Amino acid sequence: MKRTVTPTFVLTIPLVVKPGEDRTMIGRMEAGKRLYNATLGEALRRHGLLKQSKDWQATRTIADKKLRGSEFQRLSKEAGFTPAAMITFARHCKNEAGWKDRLGSNVTQRIAEQVFAAMQQYAFGKRGRPRFKGNNRPLHSLEATTNAANILWKLETGCIEFGNLTLPALLPSKTRDPYLHQALTNKTKYCRVLWRNVNGERRWFMQLMQAGVAPIKHEQSCGEIVGLDIGPSTIAVVGDNSASLVKFCDTVVQPWKETRRLQRAMDRSKRATNPHCFNTNGTWKKGQKFTPSKRYTEIRTEYAEVERKLAAERKRSHGELANQILGLGNVIQSETLSYIAFQKNYGKSVKVRAPGMFVEQLRRKAESAGGKLIDLHTWSLKMSQYDHTTEVCTKKPLNQRWHVLGDGSGVVQRDVYSAFLARCVMNNTHHPSHIETMWAAQKPVLLQTGWLRSEPAKIEPSGKITVATPLEQVVCDRGFAAGHGLDAVVARREPGDPSGFALRIPCL
């Protein structure tokens, strides 16, 4: 399948679907699922026969890459394992099944292209064997190849035409959502119709693939460099005139008691209605299939709704945080992280906050804003161990959250200092003279926010370093202030602080 070289962004808009239209749409989704399975089965058969042929095995031994590639293409064409051959097969199946009124030629072509793309990933070893669609894995979307095809969006009427159905879109007013109306002025490449389960009910949406770059919602700074230090539950951000350590996705609160209660209820229902699936010691019998009861389905729907709301809030929180960071600069530098290690060591925190998903969204937004996200080499830079005053790396335990500067000038919060060092990195190398110049400009900001303290720290006999004020957890709880203007500040006095120290936190 050819890749789109022009920039594209997606608009998701709900549709108004009547009960009769809902049944018609589900019938088309069922036809698309069966066509997908038939095309996938034929593609697997042709690929298996192709790999078993003697010509294919002989071609694998050719040393010349260009000759070997051309031979593979010739054999694939002879075996019918090409996009054009799969599209022809899918259209033949659609016509023989009498689905001309359900699936148009363009929708059929897109289904065949999706099947061949999945088979290519499987053939080159990038992904596992493609799976068939079933009752538990239904088809959720159908799309066309162009906007002048079987699924057509008409901006004049605000409706989408799917065959003989005309489905109006639920569009807010221009004053309520100016971003949506501005994005609708871009050219529509093609449309997609999909459904989702919302609170146990089926809801229909359309996705418009718009040409160009998405309109800018928030103010963005171009050319400025921002340093990040991402942890499992916090994120440190250091910009030109700001330094903050905030909670990661602080609005996403996982109801652990509620989800655990629903999981136990589902397990009890499964064991009560399917005793043949379990051994005498309570373990699952391998290869058994259970029949879900009505009560089990209701609990599973309730559990899925809890997770859906969490996912939606997580995505919204990621977007808000990414926009705030891009307000400081569109060139972002951060250490390369192992998210698998995060999952192993901080499983619950990663499940709630999804740092890997946030980094990918931030990367996409930065590139759309004309910037980029630079991955720094973790093992050579050692941001959490490096001290720019002595140019020495010293290992610190995980519970030591404050770093004592080697020249005795004070102590700085460990994550904020790592974000500052990430901002100063050039060509994956520490440059002490450049860091010293940047430190002179950043030091007043760190003193103002409380992340740098000039008085000596308390070193306990165990070696742990503590700082009297500010309380790190209290400062983290504040998060980003509203507005994220670089010149705005928020002053707040710590309760019970005898020194009367007031933190001034630059808003991001």
Protein backbone atom coordinates (compact mmCIF):
# COMPACT_ATOMS: atom_id res chain seq x y z
CA MET A 1 0.00 0.00 0.00
CA LYS A 2 1.42 3.39 -0.99
CA ARG A 3 2.26 5.77 1.82
CA THR A 4 0.95 9.31 1.89
CA VAL A 5 3.77 11.80 1.51
CA THR A 6 1.74 14.94 2.23
CA PRO A 7 0.93 15.88 5.87
CA THR A 8 -2.41 14.67 7.18
CA PHE A 9 -4.39 15.16 10.38
CA VAL A 10 -7.55 13.47 11.61
CA LEU A 11 -10.88 14.99 12.69
CA THR A 12 -13.26 12.77 14.67
CA ILE A 13 -16.91 13.90 14.66
CA PRO A 14 -19.96 12.04 16.08
CA LEU A 15 -22.78 11.04 13.76
CA VAL A 16 -26.54 11.05 14.24
CA VAL A 17 -27.69 7.49 13.42
CA LYS A 18 -31.27 6.26 13.75
CA PRO A 19 -32.07 2.67 14.88
CA GLY A 20 -32.87 1.52 11.34
CA GLU A 21 -29.70 3.08 10.00
CA ASP A 22 -27.77 1.45 12.83
CA ARG A 23 -28.93 -2.00 11.73
CA THR A 24 -27.94 -1.22 8.14
CA MET A 25 -24.50 -0.01 9.23
CA ILE A 26 -23.92 -3.12 11.34
CA GLY A 27 -24.86 -5.26 8.33
CA ARG A 28 -22.20 -3.49 6.28
CA MET A 29 -19.64 -3.96 9.04
CA GLU A 30 -20.48 -7.67 9.08
CA ALA A 31 -20.03 -7.86 5.30
CA GLY A 32 -16.70 -6.05 5.63
CA LYS A 33 -15.59 -8.49 8.35
CA ARG A 34 -16.40 -11.53 6.22
CA LEU A 35 -14.68 -10.02 3.20
CA TYR A 36 -11.62 -9.26 5.33
CA ASN A 37 -11.48 -12.86 6.59
CA ALA A 38 -11.88 -14.29 3.09
CA THR A 39 -9.14 -12.05 1.69
CA LEU A 40 -6.83 -12.79 4.62
CA GLY A 41 -7.32 -16.54 4.23
CA GLU A 42 -6.47 -16.36 0.53
CA ALA A 43 -3.43 -14.16 1.24
CA LEU A 44 -2.14 -16.63 3.85
CA ARG A 45 -2.65 -19.52 1.43
CA ARG A 46 -0.79 -17.81 -1.41
CA HIS A 47 2.04 -16.71 0.88
CA GLY A 48 2.43 -20.24 2.24
CA LEU A 49 2.60 -21.77 -1.23
CA LEU A 50 5.05 -19.10 -2.34
CA LYS A 51 7.47 -19.83 0.50
CA GLN A 52 7.24 -23.58 -0.10
CA SER A 53 8.23 -23.32 -3.77
CA LYS A 54 11.71 -24.42 -4.83
CA ASP A 55 12.26 -21.20 -6.80
CA TRP A 56 11.70 -19.16 -3.63
CA GLN A 57 14.19 -21.26 -1.66
CA ALA A 58 16.75 -20.91 -4.42
CA THR A 59 16.25 -17.16 -4.63
CA ARG A 60 17.09 -16.81 -0.94
CA THR A 61 20.67 -17.93 -1.66
CA ILE A 62 21.38 -15.18 -4.21
CA ALA A 63 24.06 -12.84 -2.87
CA ASP A 64 23.25 -9.81 -5.00
CA LYS A 65 20.57 -7.80 -3.17
CA LYS A 66 19.12 -6.12 -6.26
CA LEU A 67 18.90 -9.38 -8.19
CA ARG A 68 17.43 -11.17 -5.18
CA GLY A 69 14.82 -8.45 -4.71
CA SER A 70 13.79 -8.47 -8.36
CA GLU A 71 13.44 -12.26 -8.29
CA PHE A 72 11.28 -12.10 -5.17
CA GLN A 73 9.03 -9.56 -6.89
CA ARG A 74 8.73 -11.76 -9.99
CA LEU A 75 7.84 -14.84 -7.94
CA SER A 76 5.30 -12.88 -5.89
CA LYS A 77 3.65 -11.61 -9.05
CA GLU A 78 3.47 -15.10 -10.52
CA ALA A 79 1.95 -16.45 -7.30
CA GLY A 80 -0.63 -13.65 -7.14
CA PHE A 81 0.77 -12.25 -3.91
CA THR A 82 0.57 -8.55 -4.88
CA PRO A 83 -1.75 -5.69 -3.87
CA ALA A 84 -3.43 -5.67 -7.28
CA ALA A 85 -4.06 -9.43 -7.17
CA MET A 86 -5.55 -9.24 -3.66
CA ILE A 87 -7.79 -6.33 -4.68
CA THR A 88 -9.03 -8.34 -7.68
CA PHE A 89 -9.76 -11.33 -5.45
CA ALA A 90 -11.62 -9.18 -2.89
CA ARG A 91 -13.79 -7.56 -5.57
CA HIS A 92 -14.60 -11.01 -7.02
CA CYS A 93 -15.68 -12.22 -3.56
CA LYS A 94 -17.79 -9.13 -3.02
CA ASN A 95 -19.57 -9.52 -6.35
CA GLU A 96 -20.16 -13.26 -5.88
CA ALA A 97 -21.63 -12.62 -2.42
CA GLY A 98 -24.02 -9.99 -3.77
CA TRP A 99 -22.68 -7.18 -1.56
CA LYS A 100 -22.64 -4.46 -4.21
CA ASP A 101 -25.18 -2.43 -2.25
CA ARG A 102 -23.27 -2.92 1.02
CA LEU A 103 -19.62 -2.47 0.03
CA GLY A 104 -18.51 -0.28 -2.83
CA SER A 105 -15.45 -0.89 -4.97
CA ASN A 106 -13.35 1.69 -3.11
CA VAL A 107 -14.22 0.23 0.30
CA THR A 108 -13.38 -3.24 -1.01
CA GLN A 109 -10.06 -1.96 -2.33
CA ARG A 110 -9.17 -0.48 1.06
CA ILE A 111 -9.98 -3.74 2.84
CA ALA A 112 -7.70 -5.67 0.47
CA GLU A 113 -4.93 -3.10 0.94
CA GLN A 114 -5.17 -3.43 4.72
CA VAL A 115 -4.93 -7.21 4.45
CA PHE A 116 -1.87 -7.03 2.20
CA ALA A 117 -0.18 -4.46 4.46
CA ALA A 118 -0.64 -6.82 7.44
CA MET A 119 0.71 -9.72 5.38
CA GLN A 120 3.77 -7.69 4.40
CA GLN A 121 4.54 -7.03 8.05
CA TYR A 122 4.21 -10.76 8.69
CA ALA A 123 6.30 -11.75 5.66
CA PHE A 124 9.18 -9.47 6.63
CA GLY A 125 9.11 -10.64 10.26
CA LYS A 126 8.10 -7.28 11.71
CA ARG A 127 4.86 -8.58 13.23
CA GLY A 128 3.17 -11.86 13.99
CA ARG A 129 0.66 -13.79 11.92
CA PRO A 130 -2.45 -11.67 11.14
CA ARG A 131 -5.57 -12.73 13.01
CA PHE A 132 -9.05 -13.26 11.64
CA LYS A 133 -11.98 -11.13 12.78
CA GLY A 134 -14.55 -12.84 14.98
CA ASN A 135 -17.35 -12.16 17.44
CA ASN A 136 -14.89 -11.02 20.09
CA ARG A 137 -12.79 -9.07 17.55
CA PRO A 138 -15.33 -7.45 15.21
CA LEU A 139 -14.62 -4.95 12.48
CA HIS A 140 -14.93 -1.44 13.89
CA SER A 141 -14.39 0.76 10.82
CA LEU A 142 -14.77 1.04 7.06
CA GLU A 143 -13.05 3.60 4.87
CA ALA A 144 -12.76 4.57 1.22
CA THR A 145 -9.75 5.50 -0.89
CA THR A 146 -10.85 9.05 -1.81
CA ASN A 147 -13.52 11.52 -0.77
CA ALA A 148 -15.24 11.07 -4.14
CA ALA A 149 -15.92 7.38 -3.47
CA ASN A 150 -18.53 5.27 -1.65
CA ILE A 151 -18.05 7.15 1.64
CA LEU A 152 -18.39 10.84 0.82
CA TRP A 153 -18.24 13.86 3.15
CA LYS A 154 -20.16 16.96 2.04
CA LEU A 155 -19.23 20.14 3.87
CA GLU A 156 -22.18 22.10 2.41
CA THR A 157 -24.79 19.88 4.07
CA GLY A 158 -22.71 18.68 7.02
CA CYS A 159 -23.55 15.06 6.20
CA ILE A 160 -21.68 11.96 5.19
CA GLU A 161 -23.05 9.73 2.43
CA PHE A 162 -22.41 6.01 2.80
CA GLY A 163 -24.03 4.31 -0.17
CA ASN A 164 -27.74 5.05 0.01
CA LEU A 165 -27.49 6.37 3.60
CA THR A 166 -27.13 10.04 4.49
CA LEU A 167 -25.88 10.50 8.05
CA PRO A 168 -25.74 14.03 9.52
CA ALA A 169 -22.74 14.99 11.62
CA LEU A 170 -23.17 16.43 15.11
CA LEU A 171 -21.30 19.71 14.56
CA PRO A 172 -21.03 22.35 17.31
CA SER A 173 -21.38 26.02 16.51
CA LYS A 174 -18.47 28.05 15.19
CA THR A 175 -18.23 30.11 18.37
CA ARG A 176 -18.18 26.98 20.54
CA ASP A 177 -15.53 25.09 18.54
CA PRO A 178 -13.63 27.41 16.14
CA TYR A 179 -10.83 24.85 15.80
CA LEU A 180 -13.16 22.28 14.22
CA HIS A 181 -14.62 24.72 11.70
CA GLN A 182 -11.18 26.00 10.75
CA ALA A 183 -9.95 22.42 10.25
CA LEU A 184 -12.97 21.62 8.06
CA THR A 185 -11.83 24.21 5.53
CA ASN A 186 -8.88 21.96 4.59
CA LYS A 187 -9.24 19.47 1.77
CA THR A 188 -10.61 16.06 2.80
CA LYS A 189 -8.55 13.16 1.44
CA TYR A 190 -10.89 10.34 2.44
CA CYS A 191 -13.40 9.38 5.13
CA ARG A 192 -13.73 6.62 7.67
CA VAL A 193 -16.88 5.46 9.48
CA LEU A 194 -16.41 3.69 12.81
CA TRP A 195 -18.29 2.70 15.94
CA ARG A 196 -17.33 2.55 19.60
CA ASN A 197 -18.94 1.25 22.77
CA VAL A 198 -19.79 4.19 25.03
CA ASN A 199 -21.43 3.30 28.34
CA GLY A 200 -22.51 -0.06 26.93
CA GLU A 201 -24.16 1.42 23.83
CA ARG A 202 -22.94 1.66 20.26
CA ARG A 203 -22.03 5.15 19.05
CA TRP A 204 -21.10 6.04 15.48
CA PHE A 205 -18.37 8.47 14.45
CA MET A 206 -16.69 9.64 11.29
CA GLN A 207 -13.03 10.45 10.85
CA LEU A 208 -12.01 12.92 8.16
CA MET A 209 -8.43 12.69 6.90
CA GLN A 210 -7.66 16.35 6.25
CA ALA A 211 -4.76 17.47 4.08
CA GLY A 212 -2.17 19.81 5.61
CA VAL A 213 -1.19 20.60 9.21
CA ALA A 214 -3.73 20.86 12.00
CA PRO A 215 -4.59 24.41 13.11
CA ILE A 216 -2.67 25.68 16.13
CA LYS A 217 -4.76 25.87 19.30
CA HIS A 218 -2.12 27.28 21.65
CA GLU A 219 0.74 29.70 21.36
CA GLN A 220 4.03 28.00 20.47
CA SER A 221 7.63 29.19 20.82
CA CYS A 222 9.81 28.45 17.81
CA GLY A 223 13.52 27.77 18.07
CA GLU A 224 13.69 27.55 21.88
CA ILE A 225 15.17 24.41 23.45
CA VAL A 226 13.35 22.64 26.29
CA GLY A 227 14.87 19.95 28.50
CA LEU A 228 12.76 17.08 29.85
CA ASP A 229 13.29 14.44 32.49
CA ILE A 230 10.44 11.93 32.41
CA GLY A 231 9.83 9.67 35.38
CA PRO A 232 7.16 7.08 36.13
CA SER A 233 5.01 9.57 38.05
CA THR A 234 6.59 13.03 37.57
CA ILE A 235 8.06 15.07 34.74
CA ALA A 236 10.62 17.87 35.03
CA VAL A 237 10.52 20.66 32.44
CA VAL A 238 13.22 23.32 32.09
CA GLY A 239 12.87 26.12 29.58
CA ASP A 240 14.41 29.51 29.02
CA ASN A 241 12.67 31.29 31.92
CA SER A 242 10.99 28.41 33.72
CA ALA A 243 11.65 25.26 35.69
CA SER A 244 8.92 22.96 36.97
CA LEU A 245 8.45 19.50 38.40
CA VAL A 246 4.85 18.38 38.05
CA LYS A 247 2.82 15.25 38.48
CA PHE A 248 2.46 13.21 35.33
CA CYS A 249 -1.23 13.00 34.31
CA ASP A 250 -2.41 14.27 37.69
CA THR A 251 -6.06 14.25 36.55
CA VAL A 252 -5.99 10.53 35.73
CA VAL A 253 -6.98 8.71 38.91
CA GLN A 254 -7.23 4.96 38.63
CA PRO A 255 -10.06 3.57 40.83
CA TRP A 256 -8.08 0.54 41.95
CA LYS A 257 -10.73 -0.68 44.42
CA GLU A 258 -13.50 -0.43 41.84
CA THR A 259 -11.56 -2.18 39.08
CA ARG A 260 -10.41 -4.91 41.44
CA ARG A 261 -14.02 -5.46 42.56
CA LEU A 262 -15.16 -5.80 38.95
CA GLN A 263 -12.32 -8.20 38.14
CA ARG A 264 -13.20 -10.41 41.11
CA ALA A 265 -16.87 -10.39 40.11
CA MET A 266 -16.00 -11.43 36.55
CA ASP A 267 -13.77 -14.23 37.84
CA ARG A 268 -16.49 -15.55 40.17
CA SER A 269 -19.06 -15.50 37.36
CA LYS A 270 -16.70 -17.30 35.00
CA ARG A 271 -15.94 -20.03 37.53
CA ALA A 272 -19.60 -20.50 38.52
CA THR A 273 -20.94 -20.88 34.96
CA ASN A 274 -17.97 -22.73 33.45
CA PRO A 275 -16.67 -25.25 36.04
CA HIS A 276 -15.44 -27.57 33.28
CA CYS A 277 -12.78 -25.02 32.31
CA PHE A 278 -10.91 -25.27 35.63
CA ASN A 279 -8.80 -27.95 37.29
CA THR A 280 -9.41 -29.20 40.82
CA ASN A 281 -6.73 -26.82 42.15
CA GLY A 282 -8.49 -23.82 40.56
CA THR A 283 -6.14 -23.31 37.63
CA TRP A 284 -7.34 -22.89 34.05
CA LYS A 285 -7.45 -25.92 31.74
CA LYS A 286 -5.37 -25.27 28.67
CA GLY A 287 -7.35 -25.14 25.43
CA GLN A 288 -10.77 -24.68 27.05
CA LYS A 289 -13.25 -22.05 25.87
CA PHE A 290 -15.79 -20.61 28.27
CA THR A 291 -19.28 -19.30 27.52
CA PRO A 292 -19.84 -15.85 29.06
CA SER A 293 -23.06 -15.49 31.01
CA LYS A 294 -25.36 -12.49 30.86
CA ARG A 295 -24.10 -11.26 34.23
CA TYR A 296 -20.49 -11.66 33.12
CA THR A 297 -21.18 -9.61 29.99
CA GLU A 298 -22.76 -6.82 32.06
CA ILE A 299 -19.78 -6.66 34.44
CA ARG A 300 -17.33 -6.75 31.54
CA THR A 301 -19.17 -3.83 29.91
CA GLU A 302 -18.98 -1.86 33.15
CA TYR A 303 -15.27 -2.58 33.46
CA ALA A 304 -14.64 -1.60 29.84
CA GLU A 305 -16.43 1.72 30.42
CA VAL A 306 -14.16 2.52 33.39
CA GLU A 307 -11.07 1.87 31.29
CA ARG A 308 -12.48 3.84 28.34
CA LYS A 309 -12.97 6.93 30.49
CA LEU A 310 -9.45 6.60 31.88
CA ALA A 311 -8.01 6.29 28.36
CA ALA A 312 -9.91 9.37 27.18
CA GLU A 313 -8.76 11.45 30.16
CA ARG A 314 -5.20 10.18 29.73
CA LYS A 315 -5.18 11.26 26.08
CA ARG A 316 -6.59 14.67 26.99
CA SER A 317 -4.02 15.16 29.77
CA HIS A 318 -1.19 14.16 27.44
CA GLY A 319 -2.32 16.71 24.87
CA GLU A 320 -2.61 19.48 27.45
CA LEU A 321 0.86 18.80 28.85
CA ALA A 322 2.38 18.60 25.36
CA ASN A 323 0.85 21.95 24.42
CA GLN A 324 2.24 23.54 27.57
CA ILE A 325 5.72 22.23 26.81
CA LEU A 326 5.51 23.45 23.21
CA GLY A 327 4.62 26.87 24.61
CA LEU A 328 8.18 26.98 25.95
CA GLY A 329 9.90 25.73 22.79
CA ASN A 330 9.48 23.38 19.86
CA VAL A 331 12.95 21.75 20.12
CA ILE A 332 12.73 19.24 22.95
CA GLN A 333 15.61 17.18 24.28
CA SER A 334 15.08 14.16 26.52
CA GLU A 335 16.89 10.98 27.45
CA THR A 336 16.08 7.77 25.64
CA LEU A 337 13.99 5.67 28.03
CA SER A 338 13.28 1.97 28.25
CA TYR A 339 9.52 1.81 28.67
CA ILE A 340 9.69 -1.96 29.08
CA ALA A 341 11.90 -1.42 32.14
CA PHE A 342 9.39 1.16 33.38
CA GLN A 343 6.62 -1.41 33.04
CA LYS A 344 8.61 -4.02 34.96
CA ASN A 345 9.60 -1.71 37.83
CA TYR A 346 6.65 0.69 38.00
CA GLY A 347 3.81 -1.29 36.46
CA LYS A 348 0.86 0.45 38.10
CA SER A 349 2.23 3.94 37.52
CA VAL A 350 2.98 3.25 33.86
CA LYS A 351 -0.47 1.74 33.37
CA VAL A 352 -2.09 4.96 34.61
CA ARG A 353 0.21 7.51 32.95
CA ALA A 354 1.57 5.79 29.79
CA PRO A 355 4.83 7.78 29.39
CA GLY A 356 5.67 6.11 26.08
CA MET A 357 2.38 7.24 24.56
CA PHE A 358 3.03 10.77 25.79
CA VAL A 359 6.49 10.89 24.22
CA GLU A 360 5.13 9.78 20.84
CA GLN A 361 2.36 12.37 20.98
CA LEU A 362 4.85 15.08 21.98
CA ARG A 363 7.14 14.05 19.12
CA ARG A 364 4.29 14.28 16.61
CA LYS A 365 3.16 17.67 17.90
CA ALA A 366 6.71 19.04 17.89
CA GLU A 367 7.27 17.96 14.29
CA SER A 368 3.92 19.47 13.30
CA ALA A 369 5.04 22.75 14.92
CA GLY A 370 8.23 22.79 12.87
CA GLY A 371 10.44 21.44 15.66
CA LYS A 372 11.59 18.04 16.78
CA LEU A 373 12.12 15.80 19.78
CA ILE A 374 15.76 14.76 20.16
CA ASP A 375 16.51 11.46 21.92
CA LEU A 376 19.70 11.77 23.98
CA HIS A 377 22.03 8.86 24.65
CA THR A 378 21.37 7.83 28.25
CA TRP A 379 24.41 5.69 28.95
CA SER A 380 27.03 8.15 27.72
CA LEU A 381 25.50 11.34 29.17
CA LYS A 382 24.35 9.97 32.58
CA MET A 383 22.27 13.04 33.35
CA SER A 384 21.23 11.85 36.83
CA GLN A 385 24.89 11.29 37.83
CA TYR A 386 26.73 14.14 36.10
CA ASP A 387 27.88 17.29 37.94
CA HIS A 388 28.85 20.17 35.67
CA THR A 389 30.88 21.92 38.41
CA THR A 390 33.32 18.99 38.76
CA GLU A 391 32.61 17.17 35.46
CA VAL A 392 32.37 13.93 37.46
CA CYS A 393 29.63 11.27 37.40
CA THR A 394 28.61 9.93 40.80
CA LYS A 395 26.03 7.19 41.28
CA LYS A 396 23.19 8.06 43.62
CA PRO A 397 20.51 5.85 45.18
CA LEU A 398 17.00 6.20 43.81
CA ASN A 399 15.65 7.73 47.02
CA GLN A 400 18.18 10.58 46.90
CA ARG A 401 16.14 13.28 45.17
CA TRP A 402 18.49 16.23 45.79
CA HIS A 403 21.91 16.62 44.22
CA VAL A 404 24.74 18.38 46.08
CA LEU A 405 26.77 20.49 43.66
CA GLY A 406 30.45 19.62 43.72
CA ASP A 407 31.65 23.20 44.25
CA GLY A 408 29.54 23.54 47.42
CA SER A 409 27.31 26.28 45.98
CA GLY A 410 24.12 24.52 47.02
CA VAL A 411 21.76 21.63 46.33
CA VAL A 412 19.42 21.22 43.36
CA GLN A 413 16.47 18.94 42.81
CA ARG A 414 17.70 15.86 40.96
CA ASP A 415 15.04 15.63 38.24
CA VAL A 416 15.04 19.36 37.52
CA TYR A 417 18.84 19.32 37.29
CA SER A 418 18.70 16.39 34.85
CA ALA A 419 16.21 18.33 32.70
CA PHE A 420 18.56 21.34 32.76
CA LEU A 421 21.50 19.19 31.66
CA ALA A 422 19.35 17.69 28.88
CA ARG A 423 18.62 21.21 27.65
CA CYS A 424 22.34 22.00 27.48
CA VAL A 425 23.42 18.88 25.56
CA MET A 426 24.85 19.47 22.07
CA ASN A 427 25.51 16.57 19.68
CA ASN A 428 24.98 14.04 22.50
CA THR A 429 27.92 15.48 24.44
CA HIS A 430 28.33 17.59 27.59
CA HIS A 431 30.17 20.85 26.95
CA PRO A 432 31.23 22.30 30.36
CA SER A 433 31.74 25.84 29.07
CA HIS A 434 28.30 25.88 27.44
CA ILE A 435 26.68 24.40 30.56
CA GLU A 436 28.36 27.03 32.74
CA THR A 437 27.00 29.82 30.56
CA MET A 438 23.51 28.31 30.63
CA TRP A 439 23.74 27.72 34.38
CA ALA A 440 24.44 31.41 35.03
CA ALA A 441 21.21 32.31 33.23
CA GLN A 442 19.15 29.45 34.74
CA LYS A 443 20.34 29.78 38.32
CA PRO A 444 18.09 32.76 39.26
CA VAL A 445 15.06 30.88 37.93
CA LEU A 446 15.90 27.78 39.96
CA LEU A 447 16.47 29.89 43.09
CA GLN A 448 13.16 31.65 42.53
CA THR A 449 11.21 28.42 42.10
CA GLY A 450 12.90 26.73 45.06
CA TRP A 451 14.51 23.89 43.11
CA LEU A 452 17.97 25.27 43.94
CA ARG A 453 18.90 26.02 47.55
CA SER A 454 22.03 27.88 48.51
CA GLU A 455 22.10 26.68 52.15
CA PRO A 456 23.80 23.36 52.88
CA ALA A 457 21.74 20.19 52.83
CA LYS A 458 21.33 17.75 55.71
CA ILE A 459 23.31 14.58 55.15
CA GLU A 460 22.06 11.72 57.33
CA PRO A 461 24.37 8.92 58.57
CA SER A 462 22.85 6.62 55.95
CA GLY A 463 24.01 9.01 53.24
CA LYS A 464 20.53 10.25 52.32
CA ILE A 465 20.33 13.96 51.48
CA THR A 466 17.34 15.95 52.68
CA VAL A 467 16.32 19.57 52.20
CA ALA A 468 14.14 21.42 54.69
CA THR A 469 12.16 23.48 52.18
CA PRO A 470 10.44 23.45 49.83
CA LEU A 471 8.41 20.30 50.31
CA GLU A 472 8.83 18.48 47.01
CA GLN A 473 5.44 16.78 47.17
CA VAL A 474 3.65 20.07 47.89
CA VAL A 475 5.32 21.76 44.94
CA CYS A 476 4.53 18.80 42.67
CA ASP A 477 0.87 18.99 43.65
CA ARG A 478 0.59 22.50 42.26
CA GLY A 479 1.29 21.39 38.71
CA PHE A 480 1.28 23.86 35.83
CA ALA A 481 -0.45 27.15 36.53
CA ALA A 482 -3.15 28.26 34.15
CA GLY A 483 -2.12 30.31 31.17
CA HIS A 484 1.46 29.02 30.90
CA GLY A 485 2.77 32.52 30.16
CA LEU A 486 6.52 32.77 30.58
CA ASP A 487 6.41 36.10 32.39
CA ALA A 488 3.62 35.22 34.82
CA VAL A 489 4.43 34.04 38.34
CA VAL A 490 2.46 32.56 41.22
CA ALA A 491 3.48 33.27 44.81
CA ARG A 492 2.45 30.99 47.64
CA ARG A 493 3.66 30.58 51.22
CA GLU A 494 4.24 27.11 52.61
CA PRO A 495 1.94 26.40 55.58
CA GLY A 496 3.84 26.13 58.81
CA ASP A 497 7.06 27.50 57.34
CA PRO A 498 8.73 29.55 60.15
CA SER A 499 11.20 31.12 57.74
CA GLY A 500 8.40 32.78 55.81
CA PHE A 501 9.84 31.56 52.49
CA ALA A 502 7.40 32.12 49.62
CA LEU A 503 7.84 30.14 46.43
CA ARG A 504 7.50 32.01 43.17
CA ILE A 505 6.73 29.52 40.44
CA PRO A 506 6.92 30.65 36.80
CA CYS A 507 3.82 29.52 35.01
CA LEU A 508 4.30 27.31 31.96
